[in-house]
Protein backbone atom coordinates (compact mmCIF):
# COMPACT_ATOMS: atom_id res chain seq x y z
CA MET A 1 -2.29 -40.68 33.26
CA THR A 2 0.67 -39.65 31.28
CA ARG A 3 4.00 -38.79 33.02
CA THR A 4 6.21 -36.20 31.45
CA GLU A 5 10.04 -35.83 31.69
CA THR A 6 12.63 -33.52 30.13
CA GLY A 7 16.33 -33.81 29.47
CA GLU A 8 19.19 -32.71 27.28
CA PHE A 9 22.23 -33.94 25.52
CA GLN A 10 25.29 -32.34 23.90
CA GLY A 11 24.88 -32.32 20.13
CA ALA A 12 27.46 -31.34 17.45
CA GLU A 13 25.95 -27.84 17.39
CA GLY A 14 25.17 -27.33 21.12
CA ARG A 15 22.70 -28.40 23.81
CA VAL A 16 19.73 -30.27 22.57
CA PHE A 17 16.52 -30.30 24.64
CA TRP A 18 14.23 -33.18 24.72
CA GLN A 19 11.00 -34.31 26.35
CA ALA A 20 9.12 -37.58 26.96
CA TRP A 21 5.54 -38.74 27.59
CA LEU A 22 5.46 -42.00 29.48
CA PRO A 23 2.44 -44.20 30.02
CA ASP A 24 1.63 -45.69 33.45
CA GLY A 25 2.99 -49.08 33.90
CA GLU A 26 5.54 -50.66 31.51
CA PRO A 27 5.44 -49.42 27.95
CA ARG A 28 4.74 -51.70 24.89
CA ALA A 29 7.10 -49.81 22.56
CA VAL A 30 9.03 -46.75 22.05
CA ALA A 31 8.30 -43.92 19.60
CA GLU A 32 10.31 -41.00 18.68
CA ILE A 33 8.58 -37.95 17.15
CA VAL A 34 10.69 -35.55 14.96
CA HIS A 35 9.14 -32.27 14.60
CA GLY A 36 9.18 -29.97 11.51
CA TYR A 37 10.84 -26.67 10.58
CA ALA A 38 10.31 -23.66 12.66
CA GLU A 39 8.19 -25.39 15.40
CA HIS A 40 9.10 -27.48 18.50
CA SER A 41 8.41 -30.87 20.17
CA GLY A 42 5.81 -29.34 22.60
CA ARG A 43 3.42 -29.01 19.65
CA TYR A 44 3.14 -32.80 19.52
CA ALA A 45 1.78 -33.33 23.13
CA HIS A 46 -1.55 -34.26 21.87
CA VAL A 47 -0.12 -36.82 19.52
CA ALA A 48 2.22 -38.25 22.37
CA ARG A 49 -0.89 -38.43 24.70
CA ARG A 50 -2.69 -40.45 22.08
CA LEU A 51 0.18 -42.88 21.81
CA THR A 52 0.65 -43.32 25.56
CA GLU A 53 -2.94 -44.27 25.77
CA SER A 54 -1.96 -47.23 23.69
CA GLY A 55 1.22 -47.95 25.87
CA PHE A 56 3.88 -46.23 23.89
CA ALA A 57 6.76 -44.33 25.53
CA VAL A 58 7.18 -41.25 23.48
CA TYR A 59 10.26 -39.06 23.16
CA ALA A 60 10.90 -35.92 21.06
CA LEU A 61 13.79 -33.47 20.78
CA ASP A 62 13.87 -29.86 19.76
CA HIS A 63 16.22 -29.56 16.54
CA THR A 64 19.17 -27.32 16.72
CA GLY A 65 18.15 -23.72 16.53
CA HIS A 66 14.54 -24.71 17.43
CA GLY A 67 12.35 -24.57 20.61
CA ARG A 68 14.58 -24.93 23.72
CA SER A 69 17.62 -26.27 21.81
CA GLU A 70 20.74 -24.00 21.33
CA GLY A 71 21.68 -22.53 18.03
CA PRO A 72 20.78 -19.62 15.74
CA ARG A 73 17.11 -19.57 15.50
CA ALA A 74 15.77 -21.95 12.89
CA ASN A 75 19.08 -22.74 11.49
CA VAL A 76 19.58 -26.43 11.60
CA VAL A 77 23.17 -25.98 10.56
CA SER A 78 23.42 -29.33 8.97
CA LEU A 79 20.90 -32.09 8.10
CA ASP A 80 23.61 -34.58 8.99
CA THR A 81 23.95 -33.36 12.52
CA ALA A 82 20.12 -33.13 12.76
CA ALA A 83 19.99 -36.77 11.81
CA ASP A 84 22.78 -37.58 14.24
CA ASN A 85 20.76 -35.92 17.02
CA VAL A 86 17.63 -37.93 16.02
CA ARG A 87 19.76 -41.09 16.33
CA THR A 88 21.08 -40.07 19.74
CA MET A 89 17.59 -39.35 20.95
CA LEU A 90 16.47 -42.86 19.60
CA THR A 91 19.53 -44.47 21.30
CA THR A 92 18.77 -42.74 24.54
CA ALA A 93 15.05 -43.64 24.38
CA THR A 94 15.62 -47.30 23.62
CA GLY A 95 18.44 -47.50 26.14
CA ARG A 96 15.86 -46.53 28.82
CA HIS A 97 13.41 -49.22 27.61
CA PRO A 98 15.63 -52.07 26.41
CA GLY A 99 14.20 -54.76 24.18
CA LEU A 100 11.18 -52.94 23.15
CA PRO A 101 10.06 -52.19 19.54
CA SER A 102 10.97 -48.78 18.31
CA PHE A 103 9.47 -46.35 15.73
CA LEU A 104 10.42 -43.11 14.24
CA ILE A 105 7.68 -40.62 13.42
CA GLY A 106 8.74 -37.54 11.46
CA HIS A 107 6.63 -34.54 10.40
CA SER A 108 7.66 -32.21 7.42
CA MET A 109 11.28 -31.35 7.93
CA GLY A 110 11.29 -33.96 10.56
CA GLY A 111 9.92 -36.41 7.99
CA LEU A 112 12.73 -35.51 5.73
CA THR A 113 15.33 -35.78 8.52
CA THR A 114 13.99 -39.22 9.33
CA ALA A 115 14.04 -40.32 5.69
CA TYR A 116 17.44 -38.95 5.41
CA LEU A 117 18.59 -40.89 8.45
CA ALA A 118 16.89 -44.03 7.10
CA THR A 119 18.61 -43.93 3.87
CA ARG A 120 22.00 -42.89 5.19
CA ASP A 121 22.27 -45.20 8.11
CA GLN A 122 19.31 -47.66 8.06
CA PRO A 123 18.78 -47.77 11.79
CA GLU A 124 17.32 -50.71 13.28
CA VAL A 125 13.72 -49.72 13.91
CA THR A 126 10.46 -51.67 13.93
CA GLY A 127 8.88 -49.15 11.50
CA ILE A 128 9.03 -45.56 10.16
CA VAL A 129 6.10 -43.12 9.86
CA LEU A 130 6.42 -39.97 7.71
CA SER A 131 3.88 -37.16 7.98
CA ALA A 132 3.87 -34.74 5.13
CA PRO A 133 7.64 -35.36 4.53
CA ALA A 134 9.31 -32.24 2.99
CA ILE A 135 11.14 -34.25 0.15
CA ASP A 136 9.43 -31.89 -2.36
CA ILE A 137 9.23 -28.41 -1.10
CA GLU A 138 6.69 -26.02 -2.48
CA ALA A 139 8.12 -22.94 -0.91
CA GLY A 140 10.44 -20.54 -2.82
CA ASN A 141 10.71 -19.78 -6.43
CA ALA A 142 13.14 -21.17 -8.94
CA VAL A 143 15.71 -18.47 -8.44
CA GLN A 144 15.70 -18.78 -4.72
CA ARG A 145 16.09 -22.47 -4.84
CA LEU A 146 19.06 -22.36 -7.26
CA ALA A 147 20.70 -19.70 -5.14
CA ALA A 148 20.12 -21.49 -1.79
CA PRO A 149 23.33 -23.45 -1.76
CA LEU A 150 25.54 -20.52 -2.47
CA VAL A 151 23.81 -18.17 0.05
CA SER A 152 23.72 -21.06 2.54
CA LYS A 153 27.46 -21.20 2.49
CA TYR A 154 28.23 -17.54 2.87
CA LEU A 155 25.10 -16.12 4.59
CA PRO A 156 23.77 -19.08 6.53
CA ASN A 157 21.32 -16.97 8.69
CA LEU A 158 19.97 -14.79 5.80
CA PRO A 159 16.21 -15.36 5.51
CA VAL A 160 15.48 -16.53 1.90
CA VAL A 161 11.75 -17.17 2.03
CA LYS A 162 8.83 -16.57 4.40
CA LEU A 163 6.24 -19.24 4.99
CA ASP A 164 2.68 -18.54 5.25
CA SER A 165 1.33 -19.82 8.52
CA LYS A 166 -2.23 -20.03 7.05
CA LEU A 167 -1.03 -23.09 5.02
CA VAL A 168 -0.24 -25.05 8.30
CA SER A 169 -3.88 -25.89 8.96
CA ARG A 170 -7.41 -25.13 7.81
CA ASP A 171 -8.31 -24.68 11.59
CA PRO A 172 -7.96 -20.90 12.38
CA ASP A 173 -7.42 -21.67 16.01
CA VAL A 174 -4.42 -23.82 15.03
CA VAL A 175 -2.98 -20.97 12.97
CA ARG A 176 -3.57 -18.49 15.62
CA ALA A 177 -1.91 -20.56 18.30
CA TYR A 178 1.00 -21.24 15.95
CA ASP A 179 1.42 -17.39 15.25
CA GLU A 180 1.26 -16.74 18.95
CA ASP A 181 3.72 -19.39 20.12
CA PRO A 182 6.89 -17.83 21.37
CA LEU A 183 8.85 -21.01 20.74
CA VAL A 184 7.87 -21.15 17.15
CA HIS A 185 10.15 -19.09 14.60
CA HIS A 186 8.15 -16.56 12.87
CA GLY A 187 10.95 -15.14 10.58
CA GLY A 188 12.06 -16.25 7.22
CA VAL A 189 13.64 -19.48 6.46
CA PRO A 190 17.52 -19.21 7.08
CA ALA A 191 19.59 -19.91 3.90
CA ARG A 192 21.48 -22.68 5.62
CA THR A 193 18.29 -24.61 6.58
CA ALA A 194 16.68 -24.07 3.01
CA GLY A 195 20.01 -25.26 1.50
CA GLU A 196 20.35 -28.26 3.73
CA MET A 197 16.64 -29.38 3.18
CA LEU A 198 17.16 -29.13 -0.60
CA ARG A 199 20.34 -31.16 -0.44
CA ALA A 200 18.82 -33.82 1.81
CA GLY A 201 15.85 -34.07 -0.33
CA GLU A 202 18.03 -34.84 -3.33
CA TYR A 203 19.98 -37.50 -1.37
CA VAL A 204 16.74 -39.13 -0.24
CA LYS A 205 15.34 -39.22 -3.66
CA SER A 206 18.55 -40.86 -5.08
CA HIS A 207 18.89 -43.37 -2.34
CA LEU A 208 15.35 -44.73 -1.80
CA ASP A 209 16.56 -48.24 -2.43
CA ARG A 210 17.95 -48.01 1.16
CA LEU A 211 14.56 -47.18 2.63
CA THR A 212 13.66 -50.76 3.60
CA ALA A 213 11.97 -50.54 7.01
CA PRO A 214 8.22 -50.92 7.30
CA LEU A 215 6.83 -47.59 6.20
CA LEU A 216 3.66 -45.59 6.69
CA VAL A 217 3.30 -42.20 4.91
CA GLN A 218 0.47 -39.85 5.65
CA HIS A 219 -0.14 -36.71 3.70
CA GLY A 220 -2.87 -34.19 2.85
CA THR A 221 -3.79 -33.62 -0.71
CA SER A 222 -3.93 -29.85 -0.30
CA ASP A 223 -0.51 -29.43 1.35
CA GLY A 224 0.96 -26.21 0.14
CA LEU A 225 4.25 -26.38 2.05
CA ALA A 226 5.51 -30.06 1.48
CA SER A 227 4.36 -31.31 -1.94
CA PRO A 228 2.37 -34.46 -2.09
CA THR A 229 4.64 -35.38 -5.06
CA GLY A 230 7.31 -36.32 -2.48
CA THR A 231 4.82 -39.07 -1.14
CA ASP A 232 4.10 -40.16 -4.63
CA LEU A 233 7.83 -40.80 -5.01
CA LEU A 234 8.04 -42.65 -1.86
CA GLU A 235 5.08 -44.82 -2.81
CA ARG A 236 6.67 -45.65 -6.16
CA SER A 237 10.31 -45.98 -5.29
CA ALA A 238 10.95 -46.76 -1.61
CA ALA A 239 12.34 -50.26 -1.28
CA SER A 240 10.10 -51.03 1.76
CA LYS A 241 8.20 -54.24 1.02
CA ASP A 242 5.70 -53.31 3.81
CA LYS A 243 4.59 -49.92 2.69
CA THR A 244 1.35 -47.97 3.41
CA VAL A 245 0.49 -44.61 1.99
CA ILE A 246 -2.67 -42.72 3.22
CA ARG A 247 -3.85 -39.47 1.50
CA TYR A 248 -6.33 -37.25 3.21
CA ASP A 249 -8.60 -35.40 0.74
CA GLY A 250 -8.28 -31.64 1.25
CA LEU A 251 -6.15 -31.56 4.42
CA TYR A 252 -3.33 -29.03 4.72
CA HIS A 253 0.17 -29.54 5.92
CA GLU A 254 -0.26 -30.48 9.66
CA ILE A 255 -2.45 -33.37 9.34
CA TYR A 256 -2.34 -34.00 13.00
CA ASN A 257 -3.65 -30.45 13.71
CA GLU A 258 -6.66 -30.50 11.23
CA ALA A 259 -10.37 -31.03 12.13
CA GLU A 260 -9.92 -34.59 11.00
CA GLN A 261 -7.08 -35.31 13.42
CA ASP A 262 -8.88 -38.07 15.29
CA LYS A 263 -9.16 -40.13 12.09
CA VAL A 264 -5.52 -39.36 11.22
CA LEU A 265 -4.30 -40.29 14.66
CA THR A 266 -6.42 -43.51 14.67
CA ASP A 267 -4.71 -44.48 11.34
CA LEU A 268 -1.29 -43.85 13.00
CA VAL A 269 -2.09 -45.76 16.11
CA ASN A 270 -3.66 -48.70 14.27
CA TRP A 271 -0.53 -48.96 11.94
CA LEU A 272 1.75 -48.89 14.89
CA GLU A 273 -0.15 -51.48 16.82
CA ALA A 274 -0.29 -53.81 13.82
CA HIS A 275 3.49 -53.68 13.65
CA LEU A 276 4.10 -54.60 17.24
CA PRO A 277 5.32 -58.26 17.75
CA GLN A 278 2.57 -60.67 18.54
CA ASN A 279 2.72 -62.20 21.84
């Protein structure tokens, strides 16, 4: 059985909601899931359950402006404060389970935020997992991308591009659930969020020598939202000596929500378990 808990903390941009999925008995390790743009932590309940079955205590926050957290909808305000919130969540989680190995698992914008935190601060974690990290972003044309920083400054909530939900997954039931989820943002990407993602992506690309933690990167080859070229760059340039990259042929953006999710989640769990200290 999995026990669930919820809580909140005060972030720089307002109240941040979090939830946890805890195994029966003492956990073996702690994992923090960092969700992607427009969505929320609740969409990872099935991933968390898979991890709790292996004895992991799983924590996940809702980014500023997302899900049940405060802030203008889908506006993260700053990738620095987003990274700060991820670090606060990690500190909270490890503080509740002192001495246990800890992992960060980031998807899409959450993968970018995790990579940004890892290159900016180099937090002490046992390992980092990046799922379809949004280091190279497909959405938006060249003009929109060039204008994003200026628009971000003066019109932060202006929608600059609309994402196609059909690119989330090849499973129409997943797309339907995404489209009908009231906690998912269905409008355009706010200029501030777009600008911050582009800025953070450039920072990560130029600081991959600071990404040294054991690293697993998982990416679908048919991802139309976060380009697999970002994963190619991580494979070539991340400084991690312990580095595993798994590409899934034909899968779309949300690899944990594709028909092949059992294989993808098994790869995730196997990698995590392989990086637990041996008794």
